[in-house]
PDB file of N, CA and C in Angstrom:
ATOM      1  N   MET A   1     -44.138 147.297 -77.482  1.00  0.00           N
ATOM      2  CA  MET A   1     -44.625 147.084 -75.926  1.00  0.00           C
ATOM      3  C   MET A   1     -46.035 146.734 -75.555  1.00  0.00           C
ATOM      4  N   THR A   2     -46.212 145.698 -74.923  1.00  0.00           N
ATOM      5  CA  THR A   2     -47.448 145.479 -74.412  1.00  0.00           C
ATOM      6  C   THR A   2     -48.289 146.254 -73.975  1.00  0.00           C
ATOM      7  N   LYS A   3     -49.824 145.890 -73.825  1.00  0.00           N
ATOM      8  CA  LYS A   3     -50.535 146.853 -72.940  1.00  0.00           C
ATOM      9  C   LYS A   3     -50.129 146.864 -71.334  1.00  0.00           C
ATOM     10  N   LEU A   4     -50.048 145.536 -71.117  1.00  0.00           N
ATOM     11  CA  LEU A   4     -49.274 145.479 -69.605  1.00  0.00           C
ATOM     12  C   LEU A   4     -48.211 146.611 -69.323  1.00  0.00           C
ATOM     13  N   GLU A   5     -47.204 146.339 -70.105  1.00  0.00           N
ATOM     14  CA  GLU A   5     -46.001 146.927 -70.062  1.00  0.00           C
ATOM     15  C   GLU A   5     -46.449 148.593 -69.994  1.00  0.00           C
ATOM     16  N   GLN A   6     -47.215 148.823 -70.847  1.00  0.00           N
ATOM     17  CA  GLN A   6     -47.534 150.484 -71.175  1.00  0.00           C
ATOM     18  C   GLN A   6     -48.115 150.957 -69.775  1.00  0.00           C
ATOM     19  N   ILE A   7     -49.317 150.020 -68.999  1.00  0.00           N
ATOM     20  CA  ILE A   7     -49.899 150.489 -67.917  1.00  0.00           C
ATOM     21  C   ILE A   7     -49.063 150.248 -66.801  1.00  0.00           C
ATOM     22  N   GLU A   8     -48.112 149.570 -66.569  1.00  0.00           N
ATOM     23  CA  GLU A   8     -46.821 149.437 -65.719  1.00  0.00           C
ATOM     24  C   GLU A   8     -46.433 150.578 -65.639  1.00  0.00           C
ATOM     25  N   LYS A   9     -45.786 151.264 -66.894  1.00  0.00           N
ATOM     26  CA  LYS A   9     -44.823 152.384 -67.019  1.00  0.00           C
ATOM     27  C   LYS A   9     -45.860 153.674 -66.382  1.00  0.00           C
ATOM     28  N   ILE A  10     -47.236 153.788 -66.736  1.00  0.00           N
ATOM     29  CA  ILE A  10     -47.894 154.987 -66.424  1.00  0.00           C
ATOM     30  C   ILE A  10     -48.188 154.924 -64.957  1.00  0.00           C
ATOM     31  N   VAL A  11     -48.410 153.533 -64.191  1.00  0.00           N
ATOM     32  CA  VAL A  11     -48.738 153.562 -63.237  1.00  0.00           C
ATOM     33  C   VAL A  11     -47.574 154.011 -62.294  1.00  0.00           C
ATOM     34  N   ALA A  12     -46.431 153.585 -62.647  1.00  0.00           N
ATOM     35  CA  ALA A  12     -45.010 153.742 -62.043  1.00  0.00           C
ATOM     36  C   ALA A  12     -44.825 155.532 -62.081  1.00  0.00           C
ATOM     37  N   GLU A  13     -45.265 156.123 -63.130  1.00  0.00           N
ATOM     38  CA  GLU A  13     -45.019 157.445 -63.223  1.00  0.00           C
ATOM     39  C   GLU A  13     -46.046 158.309 -62.293  1.00  0.00           C
ATOM     40  N   LEU A  14     -47.230 157.727 -61.798  1.00  0.00           N
ATOM     41  CA  LEU A  14     -48.186 158.734 -61.363  1.00  0.00           C
ATOM     42  C   LEU A  14     -47.405 159.034 -59.996  1.00  0.00           C
ATOM     43  N   ASP A  15     -48.190 160.563 -59.892  1.00  0.00           N
ATOM     44  CA  ASP A  15     -47.588 161.081 -58.660  1.00  0.00           C
ATOM     45  C   ASP A  15     -48.285 160.368 -57.321  1.00  0.00           C
ATOM     46  N   ARG A  16     -47.909 160.676 -56.046  1.00  0.00           N
ATOM     47  CA  ARG A  16     -48.908 160.156 -54.881  1.00  0.00           C
ATOM     48  C   ARG A  16     -50.240 160.029 -54.946  1.00  0.00           C
ATOM     49  N   TYR A  17     -50.924 161.421 -55.215  1.00  0.00           N
ATOM     50  CA  TYR A  17     -52.323 161.217 -55.126  1.00  0.00           C
ATOM     51  C   TYR A  17     -52.921 160.772 -56.400  1.00  0.00           C
ATOM     52  N   GLU A  18     -52.377 160.777 -57.603  1.00  0.00           N
ATOM     53  CA  GLU A  18     -52.776 159.960 -58.563  1.00  0.00           C
ATOM     54  C   GLU A  18     -52.902 158.290 -58.313  1.00  0.00           C
ATOM     55  N   PHE A  19     -51.701 157.938 -57.653  1.00  0.00           N
ATOM     56  CA  PHE A  19     -51.388 156.526 -57.291  1.00  0.00           C
ATOM     57  C   PHE A  19     -52.754 156.124 -56.325  1.00  0.00           C
ATOM     58  N   GLU A  20     -52.737 156.971 -55.293  1.00  0.00           N
ATOM     59  CA  GLU A  20     -53.871 156.697 -54.298  1.00  0.00           C
ATOM     60  C   GLU A  20     -55.335 156.559 -55.108  1.00  0.00           C
ATOM     61  N   ALA A  21     -55.585 157.470 -55.929  1.00  0.00           N
ATOM     62  CA  ALA A  21     -56.749 157.330 -56.403  1.00  0.00           C
ATOM     63  C   ALA A  21     -57.085 156.029 -57.623  1.00  0.00           C
ATOM     64  N   PHE A  22     -55.842 155.948 -58.253  1.00  0.00           N
ATOM     65  CA  PHE A  22     -55.796 154.277 -58.857  1.00  0.00           C
ATOM     66  C   PHE A  22     -56.111 153.505 -57.863  1.00  0.00           C
ATOM     67  N   SER A  23     -55.118 153.195 -57.145  1.00  0.00           N
ATOM     68  CA  SER A  23     -55.414 152.217 -56.123  1.00  0.00           C
ATOM     69  C   SER A  23     -56.976 152.018 -55.557  1.00  0.00           C
ATOM     70  N   ALA A  24     -57.322 153.057 -55.351  1.00  0.00           N
ATOM     71  CA  ALA A  24     -58.867 153.119 -54.671  1.00  0.00           C
ATOM     72  C   ALA A  24     -59.915 152.301 -55.565  1.00  0.00           C
ATOM     73  N   TRP A  25     -59.404 152.890 -56.902  1.00  0.00           N
ATOM     74  CA  TRP A  25     -60.316 152.559 -58.220  1.00  0.00           C
ATOM     75  C   TRP A  25     -60.076 151.017 -58.448  1.00  0.00           C
ATOM     76  N   PHE A  26     -58.754 150.486 -58.457  1.00  0.00           N
ATOM     77  CA  PHE A  26     -58.174 149.093 -58.687  1.00  0.00           C
ATOM     78  C   PHE A  26     -58.842 148.323 -57.520  1.00  0.00           C
ATOM     79  N   GLU A  27     -58.855 148.583 -56.532  1.00  0.00           N
ATOM     80  CA  GLU A  27     -59.396 147.921 -55.415  1.00  0.00           C
ATOM     81  C   GLU A  27     -60.532 147.618 -55.537  1.00  0.00           C
ATOM     82  N   ALA A  28     -61.583 148.770 -55.709  1.00  0.00           N
ATOM     83  CA  ALA A  28     -62.981 148.568 -56.048  1.00  0.00           C
ATOM     84  C   ALA A  28     -63.252 147.691 -56.987  1.00  0.00           C
ATOM     85  N   LEU A  29     -62.558 147.570 -58.212  1.00  0.00           N
ATOM     86  CA  LEU A  29     -62.726 146.806 -59.377  1.00  0.00           C
ATOM     87  C   LEU A  29     -62.436 145.585 -59.177  1.00  0.00           C
ATOM     88  N   GLN A  30     -61.539 145.017 -58.426  1.00  0.00           N
ATOM     89  CA  GLN A  30     -61.124 143.595 -57.989  1.00  0.00           C
ATOM     90  C   GLN A  30     -62.315 143.341 -57.167  1.00  0.00           C
ATOM     91  N   ALA A  31     -62.809 144.043 -56.111  1.00  0.00           N
ATOM     92  CA  ALA A  31     -63.864 143.810 -55.296  1.00  0.00           C
ATOM     93  C   ALA A  31     -65.120 143.290 -55.931  1.00  0.00           C
ATOM     94  N   GLU A  32     -65.486 144.251 -57.032  1.00  0.00           N
ATOM     95  CA  GLU A  32     -66.674 143.932 -57.804  1.00  0.00           C
ATOM     96  C   GLU A  32     -66.659 142.687 -58.645  1.00  0.00           C
ATOM     97  N   ARG A  33     -65.218 142.494 -59.314  1.00  0.00           N
ATOM     98  CA  ARG A  33     -65.342 141.191 -60.034  1.00  0.00           C
ATOM     99  C   ARG A  33     -65.162 140.008 -59.177  1.00  0.00           C
ATOM    100  N   TRP A  34     -64.696 139.930 -57.752  1.00  0.00           N
ATOM    101  CA  TRP A  34     -64.762 139.021 -56.837  1.00  0.00           C
ATOM    102  C   TRP A  34     -66.195 138.690 -56.528  1.00  0.00           C
ATOM    103  N   ASP A  35     -67.092 139.806 -56.271  1.00  0.00           N
ATOM    104  CA  ASP A  35     -68.338 139.787 -56.156  1.00  0.00           C
ATOM    105  C   ASP A  35     -69.316 138.915 -57.233  1.00  0.00           C
ATOM    106  N   ARG A  36     -69.124 139.189 -58.152  1.00  0.00           N
ATOM    107  CA  ARG A  36     -69.835 138.981 -59.606  1.00  0.00           C
ATOM    108  C   ARG A  36     -69.142 137.265 -59.632  1.00  0.00           C
ATOM    109  N   GLN A  37     -67.960 137.017 -59.244  1.00  0.00           N
ATOM    110  CA  GLN A  37     -68.054 135.910 -59.665  1.00  0.00           C
ATOM    111  C   GLN A  37     -68.033 134.918 -58.643  1.00  0.00           C
ATOM    112  N   MET A  38     -68.394 135.196 -57.397  1.00  0.00           N
ATOM    113  CA  MET A  38     -69.085 134.453 -56.238  1.00  0.00           C
ATOM    114  C   MET A  38     -70.507 134.300 -56.555  1.00  0.00           C
ATOM    115  N   GLU A  39     -71.179 135.286 -57.068  1.00  0.00           N
ATOM    116  CA  GLU A  39     -72.499 135.339 -57.405  1.00  0.00           C
ATOM    117  C   GLU A  39     -72.930 134.392 -58.301  1.00  0.00           C
ATOM    118  N   ALA A  40     -71.876 134.168 -59.428  1.00  0.00           N
ATOM    119  CA  ALA A  40     -71.900 133.303 -60.347  1.00  0.00           C
ATOM    120  C   ALA A  40     -71.704 131.973 -59.992  1.00  0.00           C
ATOM    121  N   ASP A  41     -70.712 131.688 -59.118  1.00  0.00           N
ATOM    122  CA  ASP A  41     -70.125 130.085 -58.509  1.00  0.00           C
ATOM    123  C   ASP A  41     -71.516 129.982 -57.748  1.00  0.00           C
ATOM    124  N   ALA A  42     -72.112 130.605 -57.259  1.00  0.00           N
ATOM    125  CA  ALA A  42     -73.299 130.458 -55.980  1.00  0.00           C
ATOM    126  C   ALA A  42     -74.494 129.872 -56.783  1.00  0.00           C
ATOM    127  N   ALA A  43     -74.751 130.510 -57.764  1.00  0.00           N
ATOM    128  CA  ALA A  43     -75.792 130.520 -58.823  1.00  0.00           C
ATOM    129  C   ALA A  43     -75.682 129.246 -59.597  1.00  0.00           C
ATOM    130  N   GLY A  44     -74.578 128.876 -59.825  1.00  0.00           N
ATOM    131  CA  GLY A  44     -74.110 127.678 -60.503  1.00  0.00           C
ATOM    132  C   GLY A  44     -74.128 126.532 -59.875  1.00  0.00           C
ATOM    133  N   GLY A  45     -74.085 126.724 -58.379  1.00  0.00           N
ATOM    134  CA  GLY A  45     -74.090 125.537 -57.361  1.00  0.00           C
ATOM    135  C   GLY A  45     -72.799 125.066 -57.411  1.00  0.00           C
ATOM    136  N   LYS A  46     -71.589 126.119 -57.748  1.00  0.00           N
ATOM    137  CA  LYS A  46     -70.106 125.412 -57.443  1.00  0.00           C
ATOM    138  C   LYS A  46     -69.801 125.534 -55.771  1.00  0.00           C
ATOM    139  N   LEU A  47     -71.019 125.980 -54.965  1.00  0.00           N
ATOM    140  CA  LEU A  47     -70.390 126.184 -53.677  1.00  0.00           C
ATOM    141  C   LEU A  47     -71.156 125.685 -52.748  1.00  0.00           C
ATOM    142  N   ASP A  48     -72.068 124.881 -53.302  1.00  0.00           N
ATOM    143  CA  ASP A  48     -73.203 123.961 -52.553  1.00  0.00           C
ATOM    144  C   ASP A  48     -72.140 123.010 -51.492  1.00  0.00           C
ATOM    145  N   HIS A  49     -71.119 122.332 -52.040  1.00  0.00           N
ATOM    146  CA  HIS A  49     -70.351 121.329 -51.274  1.00  0.00           C
ATOM    147  C   HIS A  49     -69.958 121.768 -50.072  1.00  0.00           C
ATOM    148  N   LEU A  50     -69.410 123.241 -50.244  1.00  0.00           N
ATOM    149  CA  LEU A  50     -68.739 124.034 -49.018  1.00  0.00           C
ATOM    150  C   LEU A  50     -70.122 124.271 -48.049  1.00  0.00           C
ATOM    151  N   ALA A  51     -71.197 124.535 -48.400  1.00  0.00           N
ATOM    152  CA  ALA A  51     -72.256 124.939 -47.456  1.00  0.00           C
ATOM    153  C   ALA A  51     -72.909 123.548 -46.727  1.00  0.00           C
ATOM    154  N   GLU A  52     -72.893 122.497 -47.523  1.00  0.00           N
ATOM    155  CA  GLU A  52     -73.178 121.130 -46.923  1.00  0.00           C
ATOM    156  C   GLU A  52     -72.112 120.659 -46.182  1.00  0.00           C
ATOM    157  N   LYS A  53     -70.882 121.048 -46.285  1.00  0.00           N
ATOM    158  CA  LYS A  53     -69.912 120.507 -45.350  1.00  0.00           C
ATOM    159  C   LYS A  53     -69.898 121.539 -43.951  1.00  0.00           C
ATOM    160  N   ALA A  54     -70.301 122.476 -44.184  1.00  0.00           N
ATOM    161  CA  ALA A  54     -70.334 123.678 -43.105  1.00  0.00           C
ATOM    162  C   ALA A  54     -71.600 123.167 -42.229  1.00  0.00           C
ATOM    163  N   PHE A  55     -72.627 122.953 -42.895  1.00  0.00           N
ATOM    164  CA  PHE A  55     -73.815 122.363 -42.179  1.00  0.00           C
ATOM    165  C   PHE A  55     -73.738 121.326 -41.513  1.00  0.00           C
ATOM    166  N   ALA A  56     -72.992 120.029 -42.183  1.00  0.00           N
ATOM    167  CA  ALA A  56     -72.571 119.063 -41.063  1.00  0.00           C
ATOM    168  C   ALA A  56     -71.605 119.125 -40.065  1.00  0.00           C
ATOM    169  N   ASP A  57     -70.308 120.184 -40.549  1.00  0.00           N
ATOM    170  CA  ASP A  57     -69.611 120.261 -39.327  1.00  0.00           C
ATOM    171  C   ASP A  57     -70.649 120.937 -38.068  1.00  0.00           C
ATOM    172  N   PHE A  58     -71.236 121.841 -38.291  1.00  0.00           N
ATOM    173  CA  PHE A  58     -71.975 122.621 -37.378  1.00  0.00           C
ATOM    174  C   PHE A  58     -73.169 121.466 -36.627  1.00  0.00           C
ATOM    175  N   ARG A  59     -73.653 120.423 -37.211  1.00  0.00           N
ATOM    176  CA  ARG A  59     -74.400 119.322 -36.674  1.00  0.00           C
ATOM    177  C   ARG A  59     -73.499 118.616 -35.826  1.00  0.00           C
ATOM    178  N   ALA A  60     -72.572 118.195 -36.259  1.00  0.00           N
ATOM    179  CA  ALA A  60     -71.368 117.470 -35.428  1.00  0.00           C
ATOM    180  C   ALA A  60     -71.038 118.030 -34.223  1.00  0.00           C
ATOM    181  N   GLU A  61     -70.810 119.248 -34.382  1.00  0.00           N
ATOM    182  CA  GLU A  61     -70.508 120.000 -32.948  1.00  0.00           C
ATOM    183  C   GLU A  61     -71.723 120.260 -32.157  1.00  0.00           C
ATOM    184  N   ARG A  62     -72.773 120.352 -32.689  1.00  0.00           N
ATOM    185  CA  ARG A  62     -73.836 120.921 -31.684  1.00  0.00           C
ATOM    186  C   ARG A  62     -74.964 119.799 -31.899  1.00  0.00           C
ATOM    187  N   PRO A  63     -74.598 118.659 -31.404  1.00  0.00           N
ATOM    188  CA  PRO A  63     -75.767 117.463 -31.860  1.00  0.00           C
ATOM    189  C   PRO A  63     -77.050 117.735 -31.098  1.00  0.00           C
ATOM    190  N   GLY A  64     -77.123 118.231 -29.887  1.00  0.00           N
ATOM    191  CA  GLY A  64     -78.125 118.546 -29.256  1.00  0.00           C
ATOM    192  C   GLY A  64     -79.157 119.743 -28.928  1.00  0.00           C
ATOM    193  N   GLY A  65     -78.553 120.793 -29.743  1.00  0.00           N
ATOM    194  CA  GLY A  65     -78.973 122.069 -29.771  1.00  0.00           C
ATOM    195  C   GLY A  65     -78.289 122.972 -30.265  1.00  0.00           C
ATOM    196  N   PHE A  66     -78.688 124.282 -29.837  1.00  0.00           N
ATOM    197  CA  PHE A  66     -77.852 125.380 -30.316  1.00  0.00           C
ATOM    198  C   PHE A  66     -77.093 126.228 -29.305  1.00  0.00           C
ATOM    199  N   GLU A  67     -76.906 125.632 -28.368  1.00  0.00           N
ATOM    200  CA  GLU A  67     -75.728 125.980 -27.145  1.00  0.00           C
ATOM    201  C   GLU A  67     -74.528 126.277 -27.597  1.00  0.00           C
ATOM    202  N   THR A  68     -73.527 127.143 -27.660  1.00  0.00           N
ATOM    203  CA  THR A  68     -72.135 126.887 -28.083  1.00  0.00           C
ATOM    204  C   THR A  68     -71.445 126.061 -27.079  1.00  0.00           C
ATOM    205  N   PRO A  69     -70.623 125.062 -27.511  1.00  0.00           N
ATOM    206  CA  PRO A  69     -70.024 124.054 -26.722  1.00  0.00           C
ATOM    207  C   PRO A  69     -68.646 124.992 -26.184  1.00  0.00           C
ATOM    208  N   ARG A  70     -68.082 125.038 -25.291  1.00  0.00           N
ATOM    209  CA  ARG A  70     -67.006 125.898 -24.491  1.00  0.00           C
ATOM    210  C   ARG A  70     -65.903 125.410 -25.111  1.00  0.00           C
ATOM    211  N   ASN A  71     -65.688 124.449 -26.003  1.00  0.00           N
ATOM    212  CA  ASN A  71     -64.462 123.606 -26.591  1.00  0.00           C
ATOM    213  C   ASN A  71     -64.617 124.071 -28.073  1.00  0.00           C
ATOM    214  N   SER A  72     -65.504 124.744 -28.357  1.00  0.00           N
ATOM    215  CA  SER A  72     -65.739 125.151 -29.882  1.00  0.00           C
ATOM    216  C   SER A  72     -64.592 125.369 -30.678  1.00  0.00           C
ATOM    217  N   ARG A  73     -64.059 125.225 -31.793  1.00  0.00           N
ATOM    218  CA  ARG A  73     -63.228 125.432 -32.756  1.00  0.00           C
ATOM    219  C   ARG A  73     -63.094 126.889 -32.798  1.00  0.00           C
ATOM    220  N   LEU A  74     -64.246 127.301 -33.096  1.00  0.00           N
ATOM    221  CA  LEU A  74     -64.652 128.872 -33.581  1.00  0.00           C
ATOM    222  C   LEU A  74     -64.343 129.899 -32.407  1.00  0.00           C
ATOM    223  N   LEU A  75     -64.608 129.560 -31.304  1.00  0.00           N
ATOM    224  CA  LEU A  75     -64.259 130.352 -30.354  1.00  0.00           C
ATOM    225  C   LEU A  75     -63.238 130.272 -29.289  1.00  0.00           C
ATOM    226  N   GLY A  76     -62.329 129.147 -29.716  1.00  0.00           N
ATOM    227  CA  GLY A  76     -61.248 128.747 -29.390  1.00  0.00           C
ATOM    228  C   GLY A  76     -60.124 129.752 -28.937  1.00  0.00           C
ATOM    229  N   ASP A  77     -60.146 131.052 -29.477  1.00  0.00           N
ATOM    230  CA  ASP A  77     -59.478 131.948 -29.120  1.00  0.00           C
ATOM    231  C   ASP A  77     -59.872 133.285 -28.163  1.00  0.00           C
ATOM    232  N   LEU A  78     -60.991 133.243 -27.989  1.00  0.00           N
ATOM    233  CA  LEU A  78     -61.616 133.966 -27.254  1.00  0.00           C
ATOM    234  C   LEU A  78     -61.561 133.735 -25.682  1.00  0.00           C
TER     235      LEU A  78
END
């Protein structure tokens, strides 16, 4: 039996309260790992192209200043 199969078996056998505690812990672990990956990607310049595109889009929609146009795609549902 692999580690993953062992974990699956143990998790499947948890009672309701243990499962809720496990779920909360696992979600926090996922968030922590995601945050670390995002920080590493940002520090390594992997997100620079996204920032550049966002600035270009912002400038294209607001050529004369900072007032929000009524037809803004960001506010279209308001």
